[in-house]
Amino acid sequence: MTAQDVSHGRPTAIVIGAGFAGLATAALLGREGYAVTVFDRLNTFGGRSGDLTIDGFRFDTGPSWYLMPEAFDHFFELCGTRTQDVLDLVDLNPGYRLFPEGAQPIDVPSNREEAIELFESIEPGAGETLARYLDSAEETYRLAVDYFLYTTFSSPAAFFAPAVRRNYSKLAEYLTRSLEKYVARRFKDTRLRQMLSYPAVFLSSDPAQTPSIYHLMSHTDLSQGVKYPQGGFTAVVNAIANLAIAHGAEIELNTAVTAINTEGRHVTGVTVRRANGDVEKHEAEIVVSAADLKFTETHLLPREKRTYDERYFADRNPGLGTVLVMLGIKGELPQLEHHNLLFSEDWSDDFGAVFHGPVPTRPDGASQSMYISKPSQTDPSTAPAGHENLFILVPTPADADLGHGDAYHEQSSPAVEAIADAAIEQIAGWCGIPDLAERIIVRRTLGPADFAERYHAWSGGAIGPAHTLRQSAFLRGRNASRKLDNLFYAGATTVPGVGVPMCLISAENVIKRLRGDVSAGPLRIDDTPPTP
């Protein structure tokens, strides 16, 4: 039976990977009239945005910060619905609680005016400086959305747009000065500097190596605000999967793609291996890989058909790895907010351990700066009554040799176990919870080897390639093969970058490739085909 027989005359598409990017691409391709099949080797969709339920505790095992809401709003509109119709969003204020090393906790507001007041209370004059900083962040954010995110970089026209030309000198500074230095020129207090620099971690990067154009990230948390989707990011995944299915996509789980099949300059389909070992070939007119780009290029394609070979990746930065620690806690933890950040006073050793080699004062190369989510504060579905749910992210090198956690294996590796132990001890001391370890009734971990094994992540990286200068915008790579006319890429390892909003945008950029749309900026909603 041919692909056209199966699709009833519609063009056919195969999407590799059922994470955010794969599901979003499937939904948009369905809206475009394609008959879409999504393959994923795992037994559930969501990719890195998974969940784990143990003894009444439900843990998100991936993203947990809902930022850049307009990207979600735009995507859902493209799919013929609205965010409020598919998600129940809660505003979080404070956006997070900061635990600086050796100092009192600080609640960081989730709106501009309160943030300005906070900065002024800590450093006289910093409030006015922050106001200017956030004005610049918003202006840069708008330039990014209008010209540098929703684009395939197939045309240089965006670089010559009047709004971009007017900002050439600013953009030159933003690209040549690091975020760390950009912030340090404006603020003296270490805590304020860290509040404005930590978004580099969301970009899988070190503030010292991240271009200051990414100060735009402060617009997303301090001005646009922080939200939480009830049900966690599992609810977001389910909403997008339901849209993909509603637009005709078939999602086939427990099915690993083992090869992308080619003929001349064309992809003809994929070879898959079912859970029972059966091997099958499936035809399609286009293939979109939302899998890790390095895995796609070096494992699924023959050498002569690769756009990016091993040499391309050899001197590039895979970003940060993580040890994830998921804890079910007896009793309440008022010491913590929904989102919490622990920052070392001098965090250069933290980033050094993650990106530049072992640091003796850091356990097994792990950072001492870390992130804690307590979703049970906002979402009662995540823990039994009278208990708390903690999700701890400890940055580590992207090094699969650190080993597995015990979430999907019988036991953790010694390195992962040691990092988890050290994190729990540090939280107990820094956050004023001396009996934390004794109150743990559920404990599970994930390590870099889990990311390498489950998601084929390059070097066991947790988020995606770091947003250094040479790995940003058009320097990050193409979202289409140079050697195969109908092979496209989506997800955190291609343009525009890491994070759930970027994954949604990457799906839209596949549609722009297919339409031959070389414009910058989001697709117009009224240009979207009606629901079939």
Protein backbone atom coordinates (compact mmCIF):
# COMPACT_ATOMS: atom_id res chain seq x y z
CA MET A 1 0.00 0.00 0.00
CA THR A 2 1.45 3.41 -0.92
CA ALA A 3 1.54 6.50 1.24
CA GLN A 4 -1.07 8.13 -1.00
CA ASP A 5 -3.44 5.18 -0.45
CA VAL A 6 -3.14 5.60 3.30
CA SER A 7 -3.54 9.39 3.16
CA HIS A 8 -6.56 9.40 0.85
CA GLY A 9 -4.81 11.69 -1.59
CA ARG A 10 -3.31 14.12 0.93
CA PRO A 11 0.45 14.75 0.93
CA THR A 12 2.20 12.65 3.56
CA ALA A 13 4.59 13.62 6.31
CA ILE A 14 6.52 11.74 8.95
CA VAL A 15 7.65 13.46 12.14
CA ILE A 16 10.42 11.88 14.22
CA GLY A 17 9.88 12.49 17.93
CA ALA A 18 6.75 13.21 19.96
CA GLY A 19 8.12 15.94 22.19
CA PHE A 20 6.91 19.54 22.11
CA ALA A 21 8.47 20.32 18.72
CA GLY A 22 7.32 17.08 17.10
CA LEU A 23 3.74 17.36 18.32
CA ALA A 24 3.54 21.05 17.43
CA THR A 25 4.90 20.33 13.95
CA ALA A 26 2.37 17.52 13.51
CA ALA A 27 -0.49 19.83 14.51
CA LEU A 28 0.57 22.57 12.08
CA LEU A 29 1.24 20.10 9.25
CA GLY A 30 -2.24 18.69 9.80
CA ARG A 31 -3.64 22.21 9.47
CA GLU A 32 -1.72 22.51 6.20
CA GLY A 33 -3.47 19.41 4.86
CA TYR A 34 -0.80 16.77 5.40
CA ALA A 35 -1.49 13.24 6.54
CA VAL A 36 0.99 13.03 9.43
CA THR A 37 2.48 10.09 11.28
CA VAL A 38 4.59 10.74 14.38
CA PHE A 39 7.00 8.06 15.60
CA ASP A 40 8.57 8.01 19.06
CA ARG A 41 10.66 5.29 20.67
CA LEU A 42 9.26 5.95 24.16
CA ASN A 43 5.96 4.60 25.45
CA THR A 44 4.51 8.08 25.99
CA PHE A 45 4.57 11.39 24.19
CA GLY A 46 6.15 14.57 25.55
CA GLY A 47 9.83 13.75 25.07
CA ARG A 48 11.90 15.53 27.71
CA SER A 49 8.69 16.99 29.10
CA GLY A 50 7.67 13.77 30.80
CA ASP A 51 5.99 13.01 34.06
CA LEU A 52 6.41 10.44 36.77
CA THR A 53 3.79 9.43 39.35
CA ILE A 54 4.87 7.60 42.52
CA ASP A 55 2.75 7.05 45.65
CA GLY A 56 0.48 9.99 44.91
CA PHE A 57 3.27 12.41 43.91
CA ARG A 58 3.25 13.53 40.26
CA PHE A 59 6.52 15.01 39.00
CA ASP A 60 7.14 16.93 35.79
CA THR A 61 10.52 15.62 34.65
CA GLY A 62 11.27 18.43 32.23
CA PRO A 63 10.28 22.10 31.72
CA SER A 64 8.62 23.90 34.60
CA TRP A 65 8.81 27.66 33.84
CA TYR A 66 5.97 29.01 31.69
CA LEU A 67 7.51 32.09 30.09
CA MET A 68 6.92 34.01 26.84
CA PRO A 69 3.14 33.47 26.91
CA GLU A 70 2.57 35.16 23.56
CA ALA A 71 4.42 32.30 21.82
CA PHE A 72 1.93 29.84 23.28
CA ASP A 73 -0.98 32.15 22.46
CA HIS A 74 0.15 32.51 18.86
CA PHE A 75 0.69 28.77 18.40
CA PHE A 76 -2.74 27.88 19.75
CA GLU A 77 -4.33 30.51 17.51
CA LEU A 78 -2.56 29.00 14.51
CA CYS A 79 -4.16 25.70 15.49
CA GLY A 80 -7.63 27.26 15.60
CA THR A 81 -8.07 27.59 19.36
CA ARG A 82 -7.08 29.83 22.29
CA THR A 83 -4.79 29.28 25.25
CA GLN A 84 -7.59 29.85 27.73
CA ASP A 85 -9.63 27.12 26.04
CA VAL A 86 -6.97 24.44 26.52
CA LEU A 87 -4.95 25.53 29.59
CA ASP A 88 -5.71 26.81 33.07
CA LEU A 89 -2.96 29.32 33.78
CA VAL A 90 -2.19 30.76 37.22
CA ASP A 91 -0.14 33.94 37.70
CA LEU A 92 2.78 33.52 40.11
CA ASN A 93 3.87 36.45 42.25
CA PRO A 94 6.55 36.41 43.45
CA GLY A 95 7.98 34.92 40.30
CA TYR A 96 10.55 33.13 42.44
CA ARG A 97 12.35 33.20 45.78
CA LEU A 98 16.09 33.79 45.65
CA PHE A 99 18.36 32.20 48.26
CA PRO A 100 21.72 34.00 47.95
CA GLU A 101 24.60 32.25 49.67
CA GLY A 102 25.06 33.64 53.17
CA ALA A 103 22.22 36.17 52.87
CA GLN A 104 18.51 36.45 53.55
CA PRO A 105 16.03 35.13 50.95
CA ILE A 106 14.56 37.63 48.51
CA ASP A 107 11.16 37.33 46.87
CA VAL A 108 11.54 38.53 43.29
CA PRO A 109 8.32 40.04 41.91
CA SER A 110 6.70 38.95 38.70
CA ASN A 111 5.92 42.44 37.44
CA ARG A 112 7.91 45.44 36.36
CA GLU A 113 6.94 48.07 38.93
CA GLU A 114 7.49 45.84 41.95
CA ALA A 115 10.81 44.66 40.50
CA ILE A 116 11.95 48.27 40.15
CA GLU A 117 11.02 48.92 43.80
CA LEU A 118 12.93 45.82 44.90
CA PHE A 119 16.08 46.81 43.03
CA GLU A 120 15.94 50.32 44.49
CA SER A 121 15.56 48.93 48.03
CA ILE A 122 18.71 46.85 47.61
CA GLU A 123 20.92 49.35 45.75
CA PRO A 124 20.06 53.07 45.63
CA GLY A 125 19.67 54.16 42.03
CA ALA A 126 19.25 50.61 40.77
CA GLY A 127 15.50 51.05 40.35
CA GLU A 128 15.88 53.69 37.66
CA THR A 129 18.67 51.67 36.08
CA LEU A 130 16.44 48.61 35.99
CA ALA A 131 13.65 50.62 34.35
CA ARG A 132 16.04 51.53 31.52
CA TYR A 133 17.33 47.95 31.40
CA LEU A 134 13.81 46.56 31.03
CA ASP A 135 12.97 49.15 28.36
CA SER A 136 15.96 47.90 26.42
CA ALA A 137 15.01 44.27 27.11
CA GLU A 138 11.51 44.86 25.75
CA GLU A 139 12.80 46.65 22.66
CA THR A 140 15.26 43.84 21.97
CA TYR A 141 12.59 41.22 22.63
CA ARG A 142 10.32 42.84 20.05
CA LEU A 143 13.14 42.93 17.49
CA ALA A 144 13.80 39.25 18.14
CA VAL A 145 10.16 38.25 17.73
CA ASP A 146 9.64 40.39 14.64
CA TYR A 147 12.89 39.55 12.82
CA PHE A 148 15.03 36.78 14.33
CA LEU A 149 12.89 34.02 15.84
CA TYR A 150 10.07 33.30 13.39
CA THR A 151 12.39 32.98 10.43
CA THR A 152 14.32 30.36 8.50
CA PHE A 153 17.09 32.85 7.66
CA SER A 154 16.52 31.97 4.01
CA SER A 155 16.67 35.65 3.11
CA PRO A 156 18.87 38.47 4.46
CA ALA A 157 15.99 40.95 4.18
CA ALA A 158 15.31 41.00 7.93
CA PHE A 159 18.81 42.33 8.60
CA PHE A 160 18.05 45.37 6.43
CA ALA A 161 14.61 46.14 7.80
CA PRO A 162 14.38 49.79 8.97
CA ALA A 163 13.75 48.79 12.61
CA VAL A 164 16.85 46.62 12.56
CA ARG A 165 19.02 49.19 10.77
CA ARG A 166 18.13 51.80 13.38
CA ASN A 167 19.56 49.50 16.02
CA TYR A 168 22.76 48.35 14.30
CA SER A 169 25.03 49.97 16.88
CA LYS A 170 23.08 48.50 19.80
CA LEU A 171 23.00 45.08 18.18
CA ALA A 172 26.74 45.23 17.62
CA GLU A 173 27.27 45.83 21.34
CA TYR A 174 24.78 43.13 22.31
CA LEU A 175 26.55 40.56 20.15
CA THR A 176 30.10 41.42 21.19
CA ARG A 177 29.59 41.98 24.92
CA SER A 178 28.67 39.09 27.22
CA LEU A 179 25.52 39.15 29.31
CA GLU A 180 27.70 38.98 32.42
CA LYS A 181 29.65 42.11 31.48
CA TYR A 182 26.56 43.93 30.21
CA VAL A 183 24.82 43.48 33.56
CA ALA A 184 27.95 44.18 35.63
CA ARG A 185 28.34 47.61 33.99
CA ARG A 186 24.91 48.61 35.31
CA PHE A 187 24.57 47.03 38.75
CA LYS A 188 26.97 46.57 41.67
CA ASP A 189 25.12 44.25 44.03
CA THR A 190 25.90 40.59 43.31
CA ARG A 191 22.32 39.54 43.96
CA LEU A 192 20.94 42.01 41.42
CA ARG A 193 23.52 40.95 38.87
CA GLN A 194 22.53 37.33 39.35
CA MET A 195 18.81 38.07 39.01
CA LEU A 196 19.50 39.50 35.55
CA SER A 197 22.13 36.97 34.49
CA TYR A 198 20.58 33.66 35.54
CA PRO A 199 18.34 33.43 32.42
CA ALA A 200 21.50 32.29 30.62
CA VAL A 201 20.88 28.93 32.31
CA PHE A 202 17.53 28.76 30.49
CA LEU A 203 19.64 29.14 27.35
CA SER A 204 21.86 26.21 28.40
CA SER A 205 24.75 28.64 28.66
CA ASP A 206 27.21 30.50 30.88
CA PRO A 207 26.48 34.26 31.34
CA ALA A 208 30.14 34.92 30.55
CA GLN A 209 29.71 33.24 27.15
CA THR A 210 26.16 34.37 26.34
CA PRO A 211 25.74 37.44 24.10
CA SER A 212 24.05 40.30 25.91
CA ILE A 213 21.31 40.40 23.28
CA TYR A 214 19.74 37.81 25.55
CA HIS A 215 19.12 40.44 28.22
CA LEU A 216 15.75 40.36 26.47
CA MET A 217 15.00 37.35 28.71
CA SER A 218 14.45 39.70 31.65
CA HIS A 219 11.44 41.10 29.82
CA THR A 220 9.83 37.67 29.93
CA ASP A 221 10.06 37.12 33.69
CA LEU A 222 10.17 40.60 35.22
CA SER A 223 7.75 42.34 32.84
CA GLN A 224 5.56 39.70 31.18
CA GLY A 225 5.41 37.70 34.39
CA VAL A 226 5.62 34.04 35.36
CA LYS A 227 2.67 31.69 34.98
CA TYR A 228 1.96 28.07 35.86
CA PRO A 229 -0.31 25.74 33.88
CA GLN A 230 -2.44 23.67 36.25
CA GLY A 231 -1.47 20.06 35.67
CA GLY A 232 2.08 21.18 34.94
CA PHE A 233 3.75 20.95 31.57
CA THR A 234 2.12 17.56 31.18
CA ALA A 235 -1.10 19.53 30.65
CA VAL A 236 0.59 21.61 27.95
CA VAL A 237 1.93 18.49 26.21
CA ASN A 238 -1.50 16.89 26.32
CA ALA A 239 -3.12 20.00 24.87
CA ILE A 240 -0.73 20.04 21.91
CA ALA A 241 -0.99 16.28 21.39
CA ASN A 242 -4.79 16.59 21.32
CA LEU A 243 -4.53 19.32 18.67
CA ALA A 244 -2.21 17.14 16.57
CA ILE A 245 -4.65 14.25 16.79
CA ALA A 246 -7.61 16.53 16.07
CA HIS A 247 -5.84 17.62 12.89
CA GLY A 248 -5.43 14.03 11.77
CA ALA A 249 -2.01 13.04 13.08
CA GLU A 250 -1.35 9.46 14.10
CA ILE A 251 1.07 9.09 17.00
CA GLU A 252 2.85 5.74 17.10
CA LEU A 253 4.75 5.10 20.33
CA ASN A 254 7.22 2.35 21.22
CA THR A 255 8.50 2.73 17.68
CA ALA A 256 12.12 3.77 17.12
CA VAL A 257 13.18 5.38 13.85
CA THR A 258 16.43 3.66 12.90
CA ALA A 259 17.11 5.28 9.53
CA ILE A 260 15.97 8.06 7.23
CA ASN A 261 15.73 6.53 3.76
CA THR A 262 16.96 8.50 0.77
CA GLU A 263 17.08 8.37 -3.00
CA GLY A 264 19.18 11.00 -4.74
CA ARG A 265 18.35 14.37 -3.17
CA HIS A 266 15.09 13.14 -1.73
CA VAL A 267 13.99 11.46 1.47
CA THR A 268 11.64 8.60 0.71
CA GLY A 269 10.60 7.82 4.28
CA VAL A 270 11.97 6.11 7.36
CA THR A 271 12.79 2.68 8.70
CA VAL A 272 11.38 1.89 12.13
CA ARG A 273 11.77 -0.86 14.69
CA ARG A 274 8.72 -1.80 16.73
CA ALA A 275 8.87 -2.81 20.39
CA ASN A 276 8.53 -6.48 19.37
CA GLY A 277 11.57 -6.17 17.10
CA ASP A 278 9.68 -5.95 13.79
CA VAL A 279 11.38 -3.70 11.24
CA GLU A 280 9.24 -1.72 8.78
CA LYS A 281 9.69 0.92 6.11
CA HIS A 282 7.26 3.83 5.87
CA GLU A 283 7.06 6.19 2.92
CA ALA A 284 6.43 9.92 3.07
CA GLU A 285 6.81 13.00 0.90
CA ILE A 286 8.48 14.98 3.67
CA VAL A 287 10.23 14.02 6.90
CA VAL A 288 10.67 16.36 9.86
CA SER A 289 13.12 15.28 12.54
CA ALA A 290 12.35 16.76 15.92
CA ALA A 291 14.98 14.48 17.40
CA ASP A 292 18.39 15.70 18.53
CA LEU A 293 20.13 17.19 15.48
CA LYS A 294 23.43 15.42 16.10
CA PHE A 295 21.66 12.07 16.43
CA THR A 296 19.60 12.74 13.30
CA GLU A 297 22.61 13.63 11.20
CA THR A 298 25.16 11.12 12.46
CA HIS A 299 22.95 8.10 13.21
CA LEU A 300 19.91 8.26 10.93
CA LEU A 301 21.50 9.46 7.68
CA PRO A 302 24.19 7.88 5.49
CA ARG A 303 27.49 9.77 5.65
CA GLU A 304 27.18 11.27 2.16
CA LYS A 305 23.75 12.77 2.95
CA ARG A 306 24.74 14.61 6.11
CA THR A 307 24.60 18.39 6.33
CA TYR A 308 26.33 18.31 9.72
CA ASP A 309 28.96 15.67 10.34
CA GLU A 310 31.00 14.80 13.42
CA ARG A 311 33.52 17.55 12.63
CA TYR A 312 30.76 20.17 12.84
CA PHE A 313 29.87 19.13 16.39
CA ALA A 314 33.42 18.50 17.59
CA ASP A 315 34.20 22.09 18.55
CA ARG A 316 30.69 23.16 19.55
CA ASN A 317 29.09 23.42 22.96
CA PRO A 318 26.34 20.87 23.79
CA GLY A 319 25.10 23.02 26.66
CA LEU A 320 24.60 21.97 30.23
CA GLY A 321 23.68 18.62 31.68
CA THR A 322 21.63 18.16 34.80
CA VAL A 323 20.93 15.87 37.67
CA LEU A 324 17.21 16.05 38.41
CA VAL A 325 16.09 15.15 41.90
CA MET A 326 12.39 14.52 42.56
CA LEU A 327 11.32 14.40 46.19
CA GLY A 328 8.05 13.67 47.93
CA ILE A 329 8.14 15.42 51.32
CA LYS A 330 6.04 14.73 54.41
CA GLY A 331 4.54 17.95 55.75
CA GLU A 332 4.58 21.47 54.35
CA LEU A 333 7.58 23.59 53.37
CA PRO A 334 6.67 27.27 53.87
CA GLN A 335 10.35 28.13 53.52
CA LEU A 336 10.04 27.66 49.75
CA GLU A 337 8.00 29.37 47.03
CA HIS A 338 6.73 27.74 43.84
CA HIS A 339 10.00 28.63 42.05
CA ASN A 340 13.25 28.95 43.99
CA LEU A 341 16.84 29.70 43.00
CA LEU A 342 19.95 29.07 45.11
CA PHE A 343 22.96 31.09 43.94
CA SER A 344 26.55 30.82 45.14
CA GLU A 345 28.02 34.21 46.05
CA ASP A 346 30.77 33.63 43.48
CA TRP A 347 29.12 31.40 40.92
CA SER A 348 32.05 31.45 38.51
CA ASP A 349 33.13 28.08 39.96
CA ASP A 350 29.62 26.74 39.33
CA PHE A 351 29.77 27.58 35.65
CA GLY A 352 33.40 26.52 35.53
CA ALA A 353 32.50 23.07 36.84
CA VAL A 354 29.68 22.72 34.31
CA PHE A 355 31.41 24.05 31.22
CA HIS A 356 35.16 24.09 31.74
CA GLY A 357 36.18 21.05 33.77
CA PRO A 358 36.18 19.76 37.37
CA VAL A 359 36.33 22.16 40.29
CA PRO A 360 37.47 20.49 43.55
CA THR A 361 34.92 22.33 45.69
CA ARG A 362 32.00 21.09 43.57
CA PRO A 363 30.80 17.45 43.98
CA ASP A 364 31.48 15.44 40.82
CA GLY A 365 31.50 18.57 38.70
CA ALA A 366 28.04 19.71 39.78
CA SER A 367 27.01 23.30 40.34
CA GLN A 368 26.17 24.57 43.82
CA SER A 369 23.74 27.03 42.28
CA MET A 370 20.50 25.22 41.58
CA TYR A 371 16.78 25.50 40.93
CA ILE A 372 13.94 24.11 43.06
CA SER A 373 10.31 23.90 42.01
CA LYS A 374 7.56 23.31 44.58
CA PRO A 375 4.50 22.90 42.33
CA SER A 376 2.41 21.56 45.21
CA GLN A 377 2.11 25.18 46.41
CA THR A 378 -0.02 25.97 43.35
CA ASP A 379 -1.24 22.62 42.06
CA PRO A 380 -2.78 20.18 44.57
CA SER A 381 -2.70 17.39 41.97
CA THR A 382 1.07 17.07 42.40
CA ALA A 383 1.15 15.74 45.98
CA PRO A 384 -1.10 14.10 48.59
CA ALA A 385 -2.74 16.48 51.06
CA GLY A 386 -0.31 17.65 53.72
CA HIS A 387 2.74 16.83 51.61
CA GLU A 388 5.00 18.72 49.23
CA ASN A 389 6.45 17.95 45.81
CA LEU A 390 9.99 19.14 45.07
CA PHE A 391 11.75 19.11 41.71
CA ILE A 392 15.44 20.03 41.97
CA LEU A 393 17.63 20.81 38.97
CA VAL A 394 21.37 20.73 39.59
CA PRO A 395 23.44 21.84 36.58
CA THR A 396 26.27 19.45 35.68
CA PRO A 397 28.58 18.92 32.73
CA ALA A 398 26.90 17.43 29.67
CA ASP A 399 28.65 14.14 30.29
CA ALA A 400 26.80 10.84 30.05
CA ASP A 401 29.62 9.22 32.04
CA LEU A 402 28.13 10.79 35.19
CA GLY A 403 25.57 8.03 34.85
CA HIS A 404 21.88 7.28 35.33
CA GLY A 405 19.42 8.17 38.00
CA ASP A 406 16.98 5.66 39.45
CA ALA A 407 13.74 7.00 37.92
CA TYR A 408 14.00 4.49 35.06
CA HIS A 409 16.77 2.25 36.42
CA GLU A 410 17.04 0.11 39.51
CA GLN A 411 19.63 2.38 41.10
CA SER A 412 21.49 5.63 40.55
CA SER A 413 25.11 5.82 39.57
CA PRO A 414 27.42 6.77 42.47
CA ALA A 415 28.03 10.21 40.92
CA VAL A 416 24.33 11.02 40.50
CA GLU A 417 23.62 9.75 44.01
CA ALA A 418 26.38 11.93 45.47
CA ILE A 419 25.13 15.02 43.63
CA ALA A 420 21.58 14.41 44.87
CA ASP A 421 22.79 13.93 48.46
CA ALA A 422 24.83 17.13 48.31
CA ALA A 423 21.87 19.08 46.89
CA ILE A 424 19.52 17.90 49.64
CA GLU A 425 22.07 18.81 52.32
CA GLN A 426 22.64 22.24 50.78
CA ILE A 427 18.91 23.00 50.54
CA ALA A 428 18.43 21.97 54.16
CA GLY A 429 21.11 24.44 55.26
CA TRP A 430 20.50 27.35 52.91
CA CYS A 431 16.70 27.28 53.09
CA GLY A 432 16.32 26.62 56.79
CA ILE A 433 14.87 23.10 56.59
CA PRO A 434 17.20 21.13 58.90
CA ASP A 435 15.04 17.99 58.89
CA LEU A 436 14.55 17.88 55.11
CA ALA A 437 16.35 14.56 54.60
CA GLU A 438 14.32 12.83 57.33
CA ARG A 439 11.03 13.97 55.74
CA ILE A 440 11.70 12.47 52.31
CA ILE A 441 9.26 9.64 51.56
CA VAL A 442 9.77 9.49 47.77
CA ARG A 443 13.09 10.09 46.01
CA ARG A 444 13.91 9.57 42.34
CA THR A 445 16.70 10.94 40.15
CA LEU A 446 17.65 11.42 36.50
CA GLY A 447 21.23 11.86 35.29
CA PRO A 448 22.93 12.85 32.04
CA ALA A 449 23.04 9.21 30.90
CA ASP A 450 19.22 9.14 31.07
CA PHE A 451 19.07 12.08 28.67
CA ALA A 452 21.53 10.37 26.34
CA GLU A 453 19.66 7.06 26.43
CA ARG A 454 16.04 8.21 26.44
CA TYR A 455 16.29 11.24 24.15
CA HIS A 456 19.52 10.59 22.22
CA ALA A 457 20.71 13.91 23.66
CA TRP A 458 24.12 15.05 22.45
CA SER A 459 26.62 14.27 25.26
CA GLY A 460 23.72 13.75 27.66
CA GLY A 461 22.83 17.45 27.56
CA ALA A 462 19.56 18.32 29.27
CA ILE A 463 18.35 21.39 27.37
CA GLY A 464 20.15 21.71 24.05
CA PRO A 465 23.21 23.42 22.58
CA ALA A 466 24.35 26.51 24.46
CA HIS A 467 23.37 29.91 23.09
CA THR A 468 26.87 31.21 22.57
CA LEU A 469 27.43 33.72 19.77
CA ARG A 470 28.39 31.06 17.23
CA GLN A 471 25.38 28.97 18.21
CA SER A 472 22.71 31.67 17.99
CA ALA A 473 20.38 32.82 15.19
CA PHE A 474 21.56 31.84 11.70
CA LEU A 475 24.87 30.59 13.16
CA ARG A 476 22.94 27.90 15.02
CA GLY A 477 22.35 26.03 11.78
CA ARG A 478 19.55 25.48 9.30
CA ASN A 479 16.14 23.94 9.87
CA ALA A 480 16.43 22.14 6.53
CA SER A 481 18.96 19.74 5.09
CA ARG A 482 21.35 21.10 2.47
CA LYS A 483 21.62 17.70 0.79
CA LEU A 484 18.04 16.44 0.93
CA ASP A 485 15.28 18.63 -0.43
CA ASN A 486 12.47 17.29 1.76
CA LEU A 487 14.15 16.79 5.14
CA PHE A 488 13.50 19.41 7.82
CA TYR A 489 14.43 19.89 11.48
CA ALA A 490 12.52 21.15 14.49
CA GLY A 491 13.21 21.36 18.19
CA ALA A 492 15.67 22.76 20.70
CA THR A 493 18.76 21.64 18.79
CA THR A 494 17.99 23.75 15.72
CA VAL A 495 16.78 27.34 15.17
CA PRO A 496 15.62 29.36 16.96
CA GLY A 497 16.86 27.59 20.09
CA VAL A 498 16.13 25.97 23.43
CA GLY A 499 12.99 26.13 25.54
CA VAL A 500 9.36 25.24 24.93
CA PRO A 501 8.41 28.55 23.23
CA MET A 502 11.34 28.11 20.82
CA CYS A 503 10.21 24.56 20.06
CA LEU A 504 6.76 25.85 19.13
CA ILE A 505 8.34 28.51 16.93
CA SER A 506 10.59 25.89 15.29
CA ALA A 507 7.45 24.01 14.22
CA GLU A 508 6.06 27.15 12.62
CA ASN A 509 9.36 27.69 10.82
CA VAL A 510 8.98 24.26 9.19
CA ILE A 511 5.68 25.47 7.74
CA LYS A 512 7.41 28.60 6.45
CA ARG A 513 10.01 26.42 4.72
CA LEU A 514 7.30 24.35 3.07
CA ARG A 515 5.44 27.45 1.90
CA GLY A 516 8.62 29.07 0.61
CA ASP A 517 7.94 31.92 3.01
CA VAL A 518 11.20 33.80 3.58
CA SER A 519 9.65 36.58 5.65
CA ALA A 520 10.54 37.40 9.22
CA GLY A 521 7.97 37.44 11.97
CA PRO A 522 5.12 35.13 12.93
CA LEU A 523 2.66 33.80 10.39
CA ARG A 524 -0.53 35.79 10.12
CA ILE A 525 -3.42 33.97 11.73
CA ASP A 526 -5.71 34.73 8.79
CA ASP A 527 -3.21 33.02 6.45
CA THR A 528 -3.65 29.73 8.28
CA PRO A 529 -5.78 27.15 6.45
CA PRO A 530 -9.15 26.41 8.06
CA THR A 531 -9.49 23.31 10.19
CA PRO A 532 -10.07 20.29 7.88
